[in-house]
Amino acid sequence: MKIENISVYNFENAIRGMRNPLNSWSRNDSTFNDEIILGENDLALATGLISAGTEHRKFLRQIFVSMDITAPLYWWKEFDTYKIGTTANSCSTMHTLLKYPITMYKNFETDDLDMDILSSFTTGDKPTIKIFIDFLENLRLKAIETKDSRYWKELVRWLPEGWLQKRTWTGNYEILMNMYKQRKSHKLTEWHTFCDKILELPYMKEFLDL
């Protein structure tokens, strides 16, 4: 799994806007130049609004985050639970599947790969996993050679859940805070990687009261 090209934006507008209900803009004490630095007044109000509940912390939905995420399909299925207020643009498996050779370490999630387990399953004198990946690659080559869409369809059909897909995802602090709270102890290691990255965002630890 890989998370890169992270951008955080609209922080200044969100912090200014959170003071609209009481017209307390004169108490703004944050700076937003090369670095986001929340002043004591703004940070106290922000954390107080967060503690007060979702109806009070609307400013979190105005702090936007965009990132490139390369992750396996089995993780994306869970990630897609969080749809409200998000947008994603993915690399198309359908359009690019035939362009590049299919290999274990380039196309599949292998961060916590257990070769002891995989090596214990063999077909003849070969690891079964190698035979399966060779099967996918042969389907790809046959689809290119024959131009017969039936080979392409079978290749799509048998792609496993560990297949990596890249998406450029955009959401906001409210969504990311919910993800962290709900997934930080998940048994999938990919969620731990993602939650660790959430904590690197400006003031996310303070907002989560960690």
N, C-alpha and C. Protein backbone atom coordinates (compact mmCIF):
# COMPACT_ATOMS: atom_id res chain seq x y z
N MET A 1 0.85 -1.19 0.00
CA MET A 1 0.00 0.00 0.00
C MET A 1 0.88 1.24 0.00
N LYS A 2 0.46 2.24 -0.76
CA LYS A 2 1.24 3.47 -0.86
C LYS A 2 0.29 4.67 -0.80
N ILE A 3 0.66 5.66 0.02
CA ILE A 3 -0.12 6.90 0.15
C ILE A 3 0.84 8.06 -0.11
N GLU A 4 0.53 8.88 -1.10
CA GLU A 4 1.47 9.93 -1.50
C GLU A 4 0.71 11.14 -2.03
N ASN A 5 1.47 12.20 -2.31
CA ASN A 5 0.91 13.44 -2.89
C ASN A 5 -0.25 13.99 -2.05
N ILE A 6 -0.03 14.09 -0.74
CA ILE A 6 -1.07 14.57 0.17
C ILE A 6 -1.11 16.09 0.16
N SER A 7 -2.31 16.65 0.00
CA SER A 7 -2.51 18.09 0.06
C SER A 7 -3.64 18.39 1.04
N VAL A 8 -3.43 19.40 1.88
CA VAL A 8 -4.45 19.89 2.80
C VAL A 8 -4.73 21.35 2.44
N TYR A 9 -5.99 21.69 2.25
CA TYR A 9 -6.28 23.06 1.81
C TYR A 9 -7.60 23.56 2.38
N ASN A 10 -7.75 24.86 2.35
CA ASN A 10 -8.91 25.60 2.86
C ASN A 10 -8.93 25.66 4.39
N PHE A 11 -7.81 25.38 5.03
CA PHE A 11 -7.73 25.42 6.49
C PHE A 11 -8.06 26.82 7.01
N GLU A 12 -7.46 27.84 6.38
CA GLU A 12 -7.66 29.21 6.85
C GLU A 12 -9.13 29.62 6.76
N ASN A 13 -9.77 29.32 5.65
CA ASN A 13 -11.18 29.69 5.49
C ASN A 13 -12.06 28.96 6.49
N ALA A 14 -11.75 27.69 6.75
CA ALA A 14 -12.55 26.91 7.70
C ALA A 14 -12.44 27.48 9.11
N ILE A 15 -11.22 27.86 9.51
CA ILE A 15 -11.01 28.40 10.85
C ILE A 15 -11.69 29.77 10.99
N ARG A 16 -11.61 30.58 9.95
CA ARG A 16 -12.31 31.87 10.00
C ARG A 16 -13.82 31.66 10.08
N GLY A 17 -14.31 30.72 9.29
CA GLY A 17 -15.75 30.49 9.24
C GLY A 17 -16.32 29.91 10.52
N MET A 18 -15.51 29.18 11.29
CA MET A 18 -16.05 28.59 12.52
C MET A 18 -16.42 29.67 13.54
N ARG A 19 -15.93 30.89 13.34
CA ARG A 19 -16.25 32.00 14.24
C ARG A 19 -17.49 32.79 13.78
N ASN A 20 -18.05 32.43 12.64
CA ASN A 20 -19.21 33.16 12.13
C ASN A 20 -20.41 33.17 13.08
N PRO A 21 -20.75 32.05 13.73
CA PRO A 21 -21.96 32.04 14.56
C PRO A 21 -21.98 33.11 15.65
N LEU A 22 -20.83 33.44 16.23
CA LEU A 22 -20.79 34.44 17.30
C LEU A 22 -20.07 35.73 16.87
N ASN A 23 -19.82 35.85 15.57
CA ASN A 23 -19.14 37.05 15.06
C ASN A 23 -17.85 37.35 15.83
N SER A 24 -17.08 36.30 16.13
CA SER A 24 -15.91 36.47 17.00
C SER A 24 -14.60 36.48 16.22
N TRP A 25 -14.64 37.04 15.02
CA TRP A 25 -13.46 37.01 14.16
C TRP A 25 -12.27 37.76 14.78
N SER A 26 -12.55 38.72 15.65
CA SER A 26 -11.46 39.49 16.26
C SER A 26 -10.57 38.63 17.14
N ARG A 27 -11.05 37.44 17.49
CA ARG A 27 -10.26 36.55 18.35
C ARG A 27 -9.40 35.59 17.54
N ASN A 28 -9.50 35.66 16.21
CA ASN A 28 -8.62 34.82 15.36
C ASN A 28 -7.16 35.11 15.70
N ASP A 29 -6.39 34.08 15.98
CA ASP A 29 -4.97 34.28 16.30
C ASP A 29 -4.07 33.25 15.61
N SER A 30 -4.52 32.73 14.47
CA SER A 30 -3.74 31.74 13.71
C SER A 30 -3.02 32.40 12.55
N THR A 31 -2.00 31.71 12.04
CA THR A 31 -1.28 32.18 10.85
C THR A 31 -1.24 31.07 9.82
N PHE A 32 -1.33 31.45 8.56
CA PHE A 32 -1.36 30.50 7.45
C PHE A 32 -0.46 31.00 6.34
N ASN A 33 0.82 30.91 6.56
CA ASN A 33 1.79 31.30 5.53
C ASN A 33 2.39 30.03 4.94
N ASP A 34 3.64 29.76 5.22
CA ASP A 34 4.24 28.52 4.74
C ASP A 34 3.81 27.33 5.58
N GLU A 35 3.26 27.60 6.75
CA GLU A 35 2.88 26.54 7.68
C GLU A 35 1.57 26.93 8.36
N ILE A 36 0.74 25.91 8.68
CA ILE A 36 -0.50 26.14 9.40
C ILE A 36 -0.18 26.17 10.89
N ILE A 37 -0.39 27.31 11.53
CA ILE A 37 -0.14 27.45 12.96
C ILE A 37 -1.40 28.02 13.61
N LEU A 38 -2.09 27.17 14.34
CA LEU A 38 -3.29 27.61 15.03
C LEU A 38 -2.92 28.29 16.34
N GLY A 39 -3.51 29.48 16.56
CA GLY A 39 -3.29 30.18 17.81
C GLY A 39 -4.05 29.54 18.95
N GLU A 40 -3.74 29.97 20.15
CA GLU A 40 -4.36 29.40 21.35
C GLU A 40 -5.87 29.57 21.34
N ASN A 41 -6.36 30.75 20.92
CA ASN A 41 -7.81 30.99 20.89
C ASN A 41 -8.49 30.10 19.87
N ASP A 42 -7.94 30.04 18.67
CA ASP A 42 -8.57 29.25 17.60
C ASP A 42 -8.54 27.76 17.92
N LEU A 43 -7.44 27.28 18.46
CA LEU A 43 -7.35 25.86 18.78
C LEU A 43 -8.34 25.49 19.89
N ALA A 44 -8.49 26.36 20.87
CA ALA A 44 -9.44 26.09 21.95
C ALA A 44 -10.87 26.04 21.42
N LEU A 45 -11.22 26.98 20.54
CA LEU A 45 -12.57 26.97 19.97
C LEU A 45 -12.77 25.74 19.10
N ALA A 46 -11.79 25.41 18.27
CA ALA A 46 -11.91 24.27 17.37
C ALA A 46 -12.14 22.98 18.15
N THR A 47 -11.33 22.73 19.16
CA THR A 47 -11.47 21.49 19.94
C THR A 47 -12.78 21.49 20.73
N GLY A 48 -13.21 22.67 21.17
CA GLY A 48 -14.49 22.75 21.88
C GLY A 48 -15.66 22.42 20.97
N LEU A 49 -15.63 22.93 19.75
CA LEU A 49 -16.69 22.63 18.79
C LEU A 49 -16.70 21.16 18.42
N ILE A 50 -15.52 20.59 18.27
CA ILE A 50 -15.43 19.16 17.95
C ILE A 50 -16.05 18.32 19.05
N SER A 51 -15.74 18.66 20.31
CA SER A 51 -16.29 17.92 21.45
C SER A 51 -17.80 18.08 21.56
N ALA A 52 -18.31 19.20 21.06
CA ALA A 52 -19.75 19.48 21.18
C ALA A 52 -20.61 18.63 20.25
N GLY A 53 -20.00 18.02 19.23
CA GLY A 53 -20.76 17.15 18.34
C GLY A 53 -20.77 17.59 16.90
N THR A 54 -21.29 16.72 16.04
CA THR A 54 -21.22 16.94 14.59
C THR A 54 -21.96 18.20 14.15
N GLU A 55 -23.03 18.57 14.85
CA GLU A 55 -23.78 19.76 14.43
C GLU A 55 -23.02 21.04 14.71
N HIS A 56 -22.00 20.98 15.56
CA HIS A 56 -21.23 22.18 15.91
C HIS A 56 -19.88 22.26 15.18
N ARG A 57 -19.39 21.13 14.69
CA ARG A 57 -18.04 21.11 14.11
C ARG A 57 -18.06 21.10 12.59
N LYS A 58 -18.99 21.84 12.02
CA LYS A 58 -19.12 21.86 10.56
C LYS A 58 -17.85 22.33 9.88
N PHE A 59 -17.02 23.11 10.58
CA PHE A 59 -15.79 23.61 9.97
C PHE A 59 -14.87 22.49 9.51
N LEU A 60 -14.97 21.31 10.16
CA LEU A 60 -14.12 20.18 9.76
C LEU A 60 -14.42 19.73 8.33
N ARG A 61 -15.67 19.90 7.91
CA ARG A 61 -16.06 19.50 6.56
C ARG A 61 -15.55 20.47 5.51
N GLN A 62 -14.97 21.59 5.96
CA GLN A 62 -14.43 22.58 5.03
C GLN A 62 -12.90 22.54 4.97
N ILE A 63 -12.29 21.63 5.72
CA ILE A 63 -10.85 21.40 5.60
C ILE A 63 -10.68 20.18 4.69
N PHE A 64 -10.23 20.42 3.48
CA PHE A 64 -10.19 19.39 2.45
C PHE A 64 -8.82 18.72 2.39
N VAL A 65 -8.84 17.45 2.06
CA VAL A 65 -7.61 16.67 1.93
C VAL A 65 -7.68 15.86 0.64
N SER A 66 -6.60 15.88 -0.11
CA SER A 66 -6.50 15.08 -1.33
C SER A 66 -5.23 14.25 -1.27
N MET A 67 -5.27 13.02 -1.77
CA MET A 67 -4.10 12.14 -1.74
C MET A 67 -4.22 11.06 -2.81
N ASP A 68 -3.09 10.53 -3.20
CA ASP A 68 -3.05 9.37 -4.09
C ASP A 68 -2.87 8.13 -3.23
N ILE A 69 -3.75 7.15 -3.40
CA ILE A 69 -3.70 5.92 -2.62
C ILE A 69 -3.62 4.74 -3.59
N THR A 70 -2.60 3.90 -3.41
CA THR A 70 -2.50 2.65 -4.16
C THR A 70 -2.73 1.53 -3.16
N ALA A 71 -3.82 0.78 -3.35
CA ALA A 71 -4.22 -0.21 -2.35
C ALA A 71 -4.92 -1.38 -3.03
N PRO A 72 -4.99 -2.51 -2.33
CA PRO A 72 -5.64 -3.69 -2.92
C PRO A 72 -7.16 -3.56 -2.93
N LEU A 73 -7.77 -4.32 -3.83
CA LEU A 73 -9.22 -4.24 -3.98
C LEU A 73 -9.94 -4.61 -2.70
N TYR A 74 -9.42 -5.56 -1.91
CA TYR A 74 -10.12 -5.96 -0.69
C TYR A 74 -10.18 -4.80 0.31
N TRP A 75 -9.20 -3.89 0.27
CA TRP A 75 -9.24 -2.72 1.16
C TRP A 75 -10.16 -1.65 0.58
N TRP A 76 -10.10 -1.46 -0.73
CA TRP A 76 -10.97 -0.46 -1.35
C TRP A 76 -12.44 -0.74 -1.08
N LYS A 77 -12.82 -2.02 -1.02
CA LYS A 77 -14.23 -2.36 -0.76
C LYS A 77 -14.68 -1.81 0.58
N GLU A 78 -13.81 -1.86 1.58
CA GLU A 78 -14.15 -1.32 2.89
C GLU A 78 -14.08 0.21 2.89
N PHE A 79 -13.08 0.74 2.22
CA PHE A 79 -12.91 2.19 2.14
C PHE A 79 -14.11 2.84 1.48
N ASP A 80 -14.70 2.15 0.51
CA ASP A 80 -15.83 2.71 -0.23
C ASP A 80 -17.09 2.85 0.61
N THR A 81 -17.05 2.36 1.84
CA THR A 81 -18.16 2.59 2.77
C THR A 81 -18.32 4.08 3.02
N TYR A 82 -17.19 4.81 2.96
CA TYR A 82 -17.20 6.24 3.26
C TYR A 82 -17.36 7.02 1.94
N LYS A 83 -18.60 7.28 1.57
CA LYS A 83 -18.89 7.89 0.27
C LYS A 83 -19.35 9.33 0.36
N ILE A 84 -19.98 9.71 1.48
CA ILE A 84 -20.57 11.05 1.57
C ILE A 84 -19.46 12.09 1.68
N GLY A 85 -19.48 13.08 0.79
CA GLY A 85 -18.51 14.15 0.83
C GLY A 85 -17.14 13.78 0.30
N THR A 86 -17.07 12.72 -0.49
CA THR A 86 -15.78 12.29 -1.05
C THR A 86 -15.87 12.20 -2.57
N THR A 87 -14.71 12.28 -3.21
CA THR A 87 -14.61 12.07 -4.65
C THR A 87 -13.34 11.28 -4.92
N ALA A 88 -13.41 10.35 -5.87
CA ALA A 88 -12.23 9.56 -6.21
C ALA A 88 -12.15 9.37 -7.72
N ASN A 89 -10.92 9.45 -8.24
CA ASN A 89 -10.67 9.20 -9.65
C ASN A 89 -9.65 8.08 -9.73
N SER A 90 -10.05 6.93 -10.26
CA SER A 90 -9.19 5.74 -10.19
C SER A 90 -8.53 5.43 -11.53
N CYS A 91 -7.41 4.75 -11.43
CA CYS A 91 -6.81 4.16 -12.63
C CYS A 91 -7.74 3.07 -13.12
N SER A 92 -7.96 2.99 -14.40
CA SER A 92 -8.94 2.06 -14.95
C SER A 92 -8.32 0.70 -15.23
N THR A 93 -8.74 -0.29 -14.48
CA THR A 93 -8.30 -1.66 -14.75
C THR A 93 -8.76 -2.10 -16.14
N MET A 94 -9.95 -1.71 -16.49
CA MET A 94 -10.52 -2.13 -17.77
C MET A 94 -9.69 -1.64 -18.95
N HIS A 95 -9.17 -0.40 -18.85
CA HIS A 95 -8.47 0.20 -19.98
C HIS A 95 -6.97 -0.13 -20.00
N THR A 96 -6.40 -0.47 -18.87
CA THR A 96 -4.94 -0.63 -18.81
C THR A 96 -4.48 -2.05 -18.50
N LEU A 97 -5.39 -2.96 -18.30
CA LEU A 97 -5.05 -4.30 -17.84
C LEU A 97 -4.09 -5.03 -18.79
N LEU A 98 -4.19 -4.76 -20.07
CA LEU A 98 -3.37 -5.49 -21.05
C LEU A 98 -2.03 -4.82 -21.33
N LYS A 99 -1.80 -3.65 -20.78
CA LYS A 99 -0.62 -2.87 -21.17
C LYS A 99 0.69 -3.36 -20.56
N TYR A 100 0.63 -3.94 -19.37
CA TYR A 100 1.86 -4.27 -18.65
C TYR A 100 1.84 -5.72 -18.17
N PRO A 101 3.01 -6.34 -18.08
CA PRO A 101 3.09 -7.72 -17.57
C PRO A 101 2.54 -7.81 -16.14
N ILE A 102 1.92 -8.92 -15.82
CA ILE A 102 1.37 -9.15 -14.49
C ILE A 102 2.41 -9.90 -13.66
N THR A 103 2.85 -9.29 -12.58
CA THR A 103 3.83 -9.92 -11.69
C THR A 103 3.35 -9.77 -10.24
N MET A 104 3.88 -10.62 -9.37
CA MET A 104 3.43 -10.64 -7.98
C MET A 104 3.72 -9.32 -7.28
N TYR A 105 4.95 -8.83 -7.40
CA TYR A 105 5.37 -7.71 -6.57
C TYR A 105 5.00 -6.35 -7.15
N LYS A 106 4.60 -6.30 -8.39
CA LYS A 106 4.18 -5.03 -8.98
C LYS A 106 2.68 -4.83 -8.91
N ASN A 107 1.92 -5.90 -9.06
CA ASN A 107 0.48 -5.78 -9.23
C ASN A 107 -0.36 -6.18 -8.01
N PHE A 108 0.28 -6.76 -6.99
CA PHE A 108 -0.48 -7.26 -5.85
C PHE A 108 0.05 -6.69 -4.53
N GLU A 109 -0.83 -6.63 -3.54
CA GLU A 109 -0.45 -6.18 -2.21
C GLU A 109 0.45 -7.23 -1.56
N THR A 110 1.69 -6.87 -1.27
CA THR A 110 2.65 -7.83 -0.71
C THR A 110 3.36 -7.28 0.52
N ASP A 111 2.85 -6.21 1.11
CA ASP A 111 3.55 -5.59 2.24
C ASP A 111 3.76 -6.55 3.39
N ASP A 112 2.75 -7.35 3.70
CA ASP A 112 2.88 -8.32 4.79
C ASP A 112 2.74 -9.75 4.27
N LEU A 113 3.26 -9.98 3.08
CA LEU A 113 3.18 -11.28 2.43
C LEU A 113 3.88 -12.35 3.27
N ASP A 114 3.22 -13.47 3.48
CA ASP A 114 3.78 -14.59 4.25
C ASP A 114 4.16 -15.71 3.29
N MET A 115 5.41 -15.69 2.84
CA MET A 115 5.87 -16.69 1.88
C MET A 115 5.93 -18.08 2.48
N ASP A 116 6.05 -18.19 3.79
CA ASP A 116 6.04 -19.52 4.43
C ASP A 116 4.71 -20.22 4.17
N ILE A 117 3.63 -19.43 4.28
CA ILE A 117 2.31 -20.01 4.02
C ILE A 117 2.15 -20.31 2.53
N LEU A 118 2.49 -19.34 1.68
CA LEU A 118 2.30 -19.54 0.24
C LEU A 118 3.14 -20.69 -0.29
N SER A 119 4.35 -20.84 0.23
CA SER A 119 5.24 -21.90 -0.25
C SER A 119 4.77 -23.28 0.15
N SER A 120 3.88 -23.35 1.13
CA SER A 120 3.40 -24.65 1.57
C SER A 120 2.33 -25.23 0.65
N PHE A 121 1.85 -24.39 -0.28
CA PHE A 121 0.86 -24.86 -1.24
C PHE A 121 1.54 -24.99 -2.61
N THR A 122 1.61 -26.20 -3.09
CA THR A 122 2.29 -26.45 -4.37
C THR A 122 1.39 -27.26 -5.29
N THR A 123 1.65 -27.10 -6.57
CA THR A 123 1.01 -27.93 -7.60
C THR A 123 2.14 -28.52 -8.42
N GLY A 124 2.32 -29.82 -8.28
CA GLY A 124 3.51 -30.43 -8.87
C GLY A 124 4.72 -29.94 -8.10
N ASP A 125 5.69 -29.37 -8.80
CA ASP A 125 6.89 -28.87 -8.13
C ASP A 125 6.92 -27.34 -8.07
N LYS A 126 5.77 -26.69 -8.34
CA LYS A 126 5.73 -25.22 -8.34
C LYS A 126 4.78 -24.70 -7.27
N PRO A 127 5.11 -23.54 -6.67
CA PRO A 127 4.15 -22.90 -5.77
C PRO A 127 2.86 -22.56 -6.52
N THR A 128 1.75 -22.89 -5.93
CA THR A 128 0.46 -22.67 -6.59
C THR A 128 0.25 -21.19 -6.94
N ILE A 129 0.75 -20.30 -6.10
CA ILE A 129 0.57 -18.88 -6.35
C ILE A 129 1.27 -18.45 -7.64
N LYS A 130 2.44 -19.04 -7.90
CA LYS A 130 3.16 -18.72 -9.14
C LYS A 130 2.39 -19.22 -10.35
N ILE A 131 1.83 -20.40 -10.23
CA ILE A 131 1.05 -20.96 -11.33
C ILE A 131 -0.15 -20.06 -11.63
N PHE A 132 -0.79 -19.56 -10.57
CA PHE A 132 -1.96 -18.70 -10.76
C PHE A 132 -1.58 -17.39 -11.43
N ILE A 133 -0.50 -16.79 -10.99
CA ILE A 133 -0.08 -15.52 -11.60
C ILE A 133 0.36 -15.73 -13.04
N ASP A 134 1.03 -16.85 -13.31
CA ASP A 134 1.38 -17.18 -14.69
C ASP A 134 0.12 -17.37 -15.54
N PHE A 135 -0.91 -17.95 -14.95
CA PHE A 135 -2.20 -18.13 -15.63
C PHE A 135 -2.78 -16.77 -16.04
N LEU A 136 -2.75 -15.80 -15.13
CA LEU A 136 -3.26 -14.46 -15.45
C LEU A 136 -2.43 -13.81 -16.55
N GLU A 137 -1.10 -13.93 -16.45
CA GLU A 137 -0.23 -13.34 -17.47
C GLU A 137 -0.45 -13.99 -18.83
N ASN A 138 -0.66 -15.28 -18.85
CA ASN A 138 -0.91 -15.97 -20.12
C ASN A 138 -2.23 -15.53 -20.74
N LEU A 139 -3.24 -15.30 -19.91
CA LEU A 139 -4.50 -14.77 -20.42
C LEU A 139 -4.27 -13.39 -21.04
N ARG A 140 -3.48 -12.57 -20.38
CA ARG A 140 -3.18 -11.23 -20.90
C ARG A 140 -2.49 -11.33 -22.26
N LEU A 141 -1.48 -12.19 -22.36
CA LEU A 141 -0.73 -12.34 -23.61
C LEU A 141 -1.63 -12.87 -24.72
N LYS A 142 -2.51 -13.80 -24.36
CA LYS A 142 -3.41 -14.39 -25.37
C LYS A 142 -4.41 -13.34 -25.86
N ALA A 143 -4.87 -12.48 -24.95
CA ALA A 143 -5.81 -11.43 -25.35
C ALA A 143 -5.14 -10.46 -26.32
N ILE A 144 -3.87 -10.14 -26.07
CA ILE A 144 -3.13 -9.25 -26.98
C ILE A 144 -2.90 -9.92 -28.33
N GLU A 145 -2.51 -11.18 -28.27
CA GLU A 145 -2.18 -11.91 -29.51
C GLU A 145 -3.39 -12.11 -30.40
N THR A 146 -4.52 -12.50 -29.83
CA THR A 146 -5.69 -12.89 -30.63
C THR A 146 -6.68 -11.75 -30.85
N LYS A 147 -6.57 -10.70 -29.99
CA LYS A 147 -7.58 -9.62 -30.01
C LYS A 147 -8.98 -10.13 -29.69
N ASP A 148 -9.04 -11.30 -29.08
CA ASP A 148 -10.31 -11.92 -28.73
C ASP A 148 -10.72 -11.45 -27.34
N SER A 149 -11.84 -10.74 -27.23
CA SER A 149 -12.27 -10.16 -25.96
C SER A 149 -12.62 -11.21 -24.91
N ARG A 150 -12.79 -12.45 -25.33
CA ARG A 150 -13.11 -13.49 -24.36
C ARG A 150 -11.95 -13.71 -23.39
N TYR A 151 -10.72 -13.60 -23.88
CA TYR A 151 -9.56 -13.75 -22.99
C TYR A 151 -9.48 -12.59 -22.00
N TRP A 152 -9.78 -11.40 -22.49
CA TRP A 152 -9.80 -10.23 -21.61
C TRP A 152 -10.85 -10.39 -20.52
N LYS A 153 -12.03 -10.89 -20.89
CA LYS A 153 -13.11 -11.08 -19.92
C LYS A 153 -12.71 -12.08 -18.85
N GLU A 154 -12.06 -13.17 -19.25
CA GLU A 154 -11.64 -14.15 -18.25
C GLU A 154 -10.55 -13.59 -17.35
N LEU A 155 -9.69 -12.76 -17.90
CA LEU A 155 -8.66 -12.12 -17.08
C LEU A 155 -9.30 -11.22 -16.03
N VAL A 156 -10.28 -10.43 -16.44
CA VAL A 156 -11.00 -9.57 -15.50
C VAL A 156 -11.71 -10.41 -14.44
N ARG A 157 -12.31 -11.51 -14.87
CA ARG A 157 -13.07 -12.36 -13.96
C ARG A 157 -12.21 -12.92 -12.83
N TRP A 158 -10.97 -13.29 -13.15
CA TRP A 158 -10.15 -14.02 -12.19
C TRP A 158 -9.12 -13.16 -11.47
N LEU A 159 -9.19 -11.84 -11.66
CA LEU A 159 -8.30 -10.99 -10.87
C LEU A 159 -8.63 -11.15 -9.38
N PRO A 160 -7.63 -11.37 -8.54
CA PRO A 160 -7.89 -11.59 -7.11
C PRO A 160 -8.06 -10.28 -6.35
N GLU A 161 -8.50 -10.42 -5.11
CA GLU A 161 -8.76 -9.26 -4.26
C GLU A 161 -7.50 -8.47 -3.93
N GLY A 162 -6.34 -9.11 -4.05
CA GLY A 162 -5.10 -8.42 -3.73
C GLY A 162 -4.57 -7.53 -4.84
N TRP A 163 -5.30 -7.43 -5.95
CA TRP A 163 -4.88 -6.60 -7.08
C TRP A 163 -4.84 -5.13 -6.66
N LEU A 164 -3.75 -4.46 -6.98
CA LEU A 164 -3.58 -3.06 -6.58
C LEU A 164 -4.26 -2.10 -7.55
N GLN A 165 -4.93 -1.12 -6.98
CA GLN A 165 -5.54 -0.05 -7.79
C GLN A 165 -5.16 1.30 -7.18
N LYS A 166 -4.84 2.25 -8.03
CA LYS A 166 -4.49 3.60 -7.59
C LYS A 166 -5.67 4.54 -7.80
N ARG A 167 -5.94 5.34 -6.78
CA ARG A 167 -6.99 6.35 -6.89
C ARG A 167 -6.48 7.67 -6.31
N THR A 168 -6.90 8.76 -6.91
CA THR A 168 -6.73 10.08 -6.31
C THR A 168 -8.02 10.38 -5.57
N TRP A 169 -7.91 10.49 -4.25
CA TRP A 169 -9.09 10.61 -3.39
C TRP A 169 -9.12 11.98 -2.73
N THR A 170 -10.31 12.57 -2.65
CA THR A 170 -10.50 13.84 -1.97
C THR A 170 -11.63 13.72 -0.97
N GLY A 171 -11.36 14.17 0.26
CA GLY A 171 -12.37 14.16 1.31
C GLY A 171 -12.14 15.33 2.24
N ASN A 172 -12.49 15.15 3.51
CA ASN A 172 -12.31 16.24 4.46
C ASN A 172 -11.97 15.71 5.85
N TYR A 173 -11.68 16.61 6.76
CA TYR A 173 -11.25 16.23 8.11
C TYR A 173 -12.34 15.46 8.86
N GLU A 174 -13.58 15.82 8.69
CA GLU A 174 -14.66 15.11 9.37
C GLU A 174 -14.66 13.63 9.00
N ILE A 175 -14.56 13.36 7.70
CA ILE A 175 -14.55 11.98 7.22
C ILE A 175 -13.33 11.23 7.73
N LEU A 176 -12.17 11.87 7.67
CA LEU A 176 -10.94 11.21 8.08
C LEU A 176 -10.93 10.93 9.58
N MET A 177 -11.50 11.83 10.38
CA MET A 177 -11.59 11.58 11.81
C MET A 177 -12.49 10.38 12.10
N ASN A 178 -13.60 10.28 11.38
CA ASN A 178 -14.49 9.13 11.54
C ASN A 178 -13.78 7.84 11.14
N MET A 179 -13.04 7.88 10.04
CA MET A 179 -12.29 6.70 9.61
C MET A 179 -11.32 6.26 10.69
N TYR A 180 -10.59 7.22 11.24
CA TYR A 180 -9.60 6.88 12.25
C TYR A 180 -10.26 6.20 13.45
N LYS A 181 -11.32 6.79 13.96
CA LYS A 181 -11.98 6.24 15.14
C LYS A 181 -12.55 4.84 14.89
N GLN A 182 -13.06 4.63 13.69
CA GLN A 182 -13.73 3.37 13.39
C GLN A 182 -12.79 2.27 12.93
N ARG A 183 -11.60 2.63 12.40
CA ARG A 183 -10.75 1.63 11.77
C ARG A 183 -9.37 1.49 12.40
N LYS A 184 -9.05 2.27 13.43
CA LYS A 184 -7.69 2.27 13.97
C LYS A 184 -7.28 0.92 14.54
N SER A 185 -8.24 0.10 14.95
CA SER A 185 -7.92 -1.21 15.54
C SER A 185 -8.31 -2.37 14.62
N HIS A 186 -8.53 -2.08 13.35
CA HIS A 186 -8.96 -3.10 12.39
C HIS A 186 -7.88 -4.14 12.17
N LYS A 187 -8.28 -5.36 11.87
CA LYS A 187 -7.31 -6.44 11.69
C LYS A 187 -6.54 -6.35 10.37
N LEU A 188 -7.03 -5.56 9.40
CA LEU A 188 -6.28 -5.37 8.17
C LEU A 188 -5.14 -4.39 8.41
N THR A 189 -3.93 -4.77 8.07
CA THR A 189 -2.78 -3.89 8.29
C THR A 189 -2.87 -2.62 7.45
N GLU A 190 -3.57 -2.68 6.33
CA GLU A 190 -3.71 -1.50 5.48
C GLU A 190 -4.42 -0.36 6.22
N TRP A 191 -5.37 -0.71 7.07
CA TRP A 191 -6.05 0.34 7.84
C TRP A 191 -5.10 1.00 8.83
N HIS A 192 -4.20 0.23 9.40
CA HIS A 192 -3.22 0.81 10.32
C HIS A 192 -2.29 1.78 9.57
N THR A 193 -1.89 1.40 8.36
CA THR A 193 -1.07 2.29 7.54
C THR A 193 -1.81 3.58 7.23
N PHE A 194 -3.08 3.46 6.87
CA PHE A 194 -3.86 4.63 6.53
C PHE A 194 -4.10 5.51 7.75
N CYS A 195 -4.43 4.91 8.88
CA CYS A 195 -4.68 5.68 10.10
C CYS A 195 -3.42 6.40 10.58
N ASP A 196 -2.27 5.76 10.44
CA ASP A 196 -1.02 6.43 10.79
C ASP A 196 -0.80 7.67 9.93
N LYS A 197 -1.19 7.57 8.66
CA LYS A 197 -1.04 8.71 7.75
C LYS A 197 -2.02 9.83 8.12
N ILE A 198 -3.21 9.48 8.57
CA ILE A 198 -4.17 10.48 9.01
C ILE A 198 -3.59 11.31 10.15
N LEU A 199 -2.89 10.66 11.06
CA LEU A 199 -2.34 11.36 12.22
C LEU A 199 -1.24 12.34 11.85
N GLU A 200 -0.69 12.23 10.64
CA GLU A 200 0.35 13.15 10.20
C GLU A 200 -0.21 14.47 9.67
N LEU A 201 -1.52 14.54 9.48
CA LEU A 201 -2.14 15.76 8.94
C LEU A 201 -2.11 16.86 10.01
N PRO A 202 -2.04 18.12 9.58
CA PRO A 202 -1.94 19.24 10.53
C PRO A 202 -3.07 19.24 11.57
N TYR A 203 -2.70 19.22 12.83
CA TYR A 203 -3.59 19.32 13.98
C TYR A 203 -4.58 18.18 14.11
N MET A 204 -4.37 17.09 13.37
CA MET A 204 -5.30 15.98 13.48
C MET A 204 -5.23 15.33 14.87
N LYS A 205 -4.03 15.20 15.43
CA LYS A 205 -3.92 14.61 16.77
C LYS A 205 -4.65 15.46 17.80
N GLU A 206 -4.50 16.79 17.69
CA GLU A 206 -5.19 17.67 18.62
C GLU A 206 -6.70 17.58 18.46
N PHE A 207 -7.16 17.50 17.24
CA PHE A 207 -8.60 17.41 17.00
C PHE A 207 -9.17 16.08 17.49
N LEU A 208 -8.36 15.03 17.41
CA LEU A 208 -8.79 13.71 17.90
C LEU A 208 -8.56 13.56 19.39
N ASP A 209 -7.95 14.55 20.00
CA ASP A 209 -7.64 14.54 21.43
C ASP A 209 -6.75 13.36 21.79
N LEU A 210 -5.67 13.21 21.01
CA LEU A 210 -4.72 12.12 21.27
C LEU A 210 -3.49 12.65 22.01
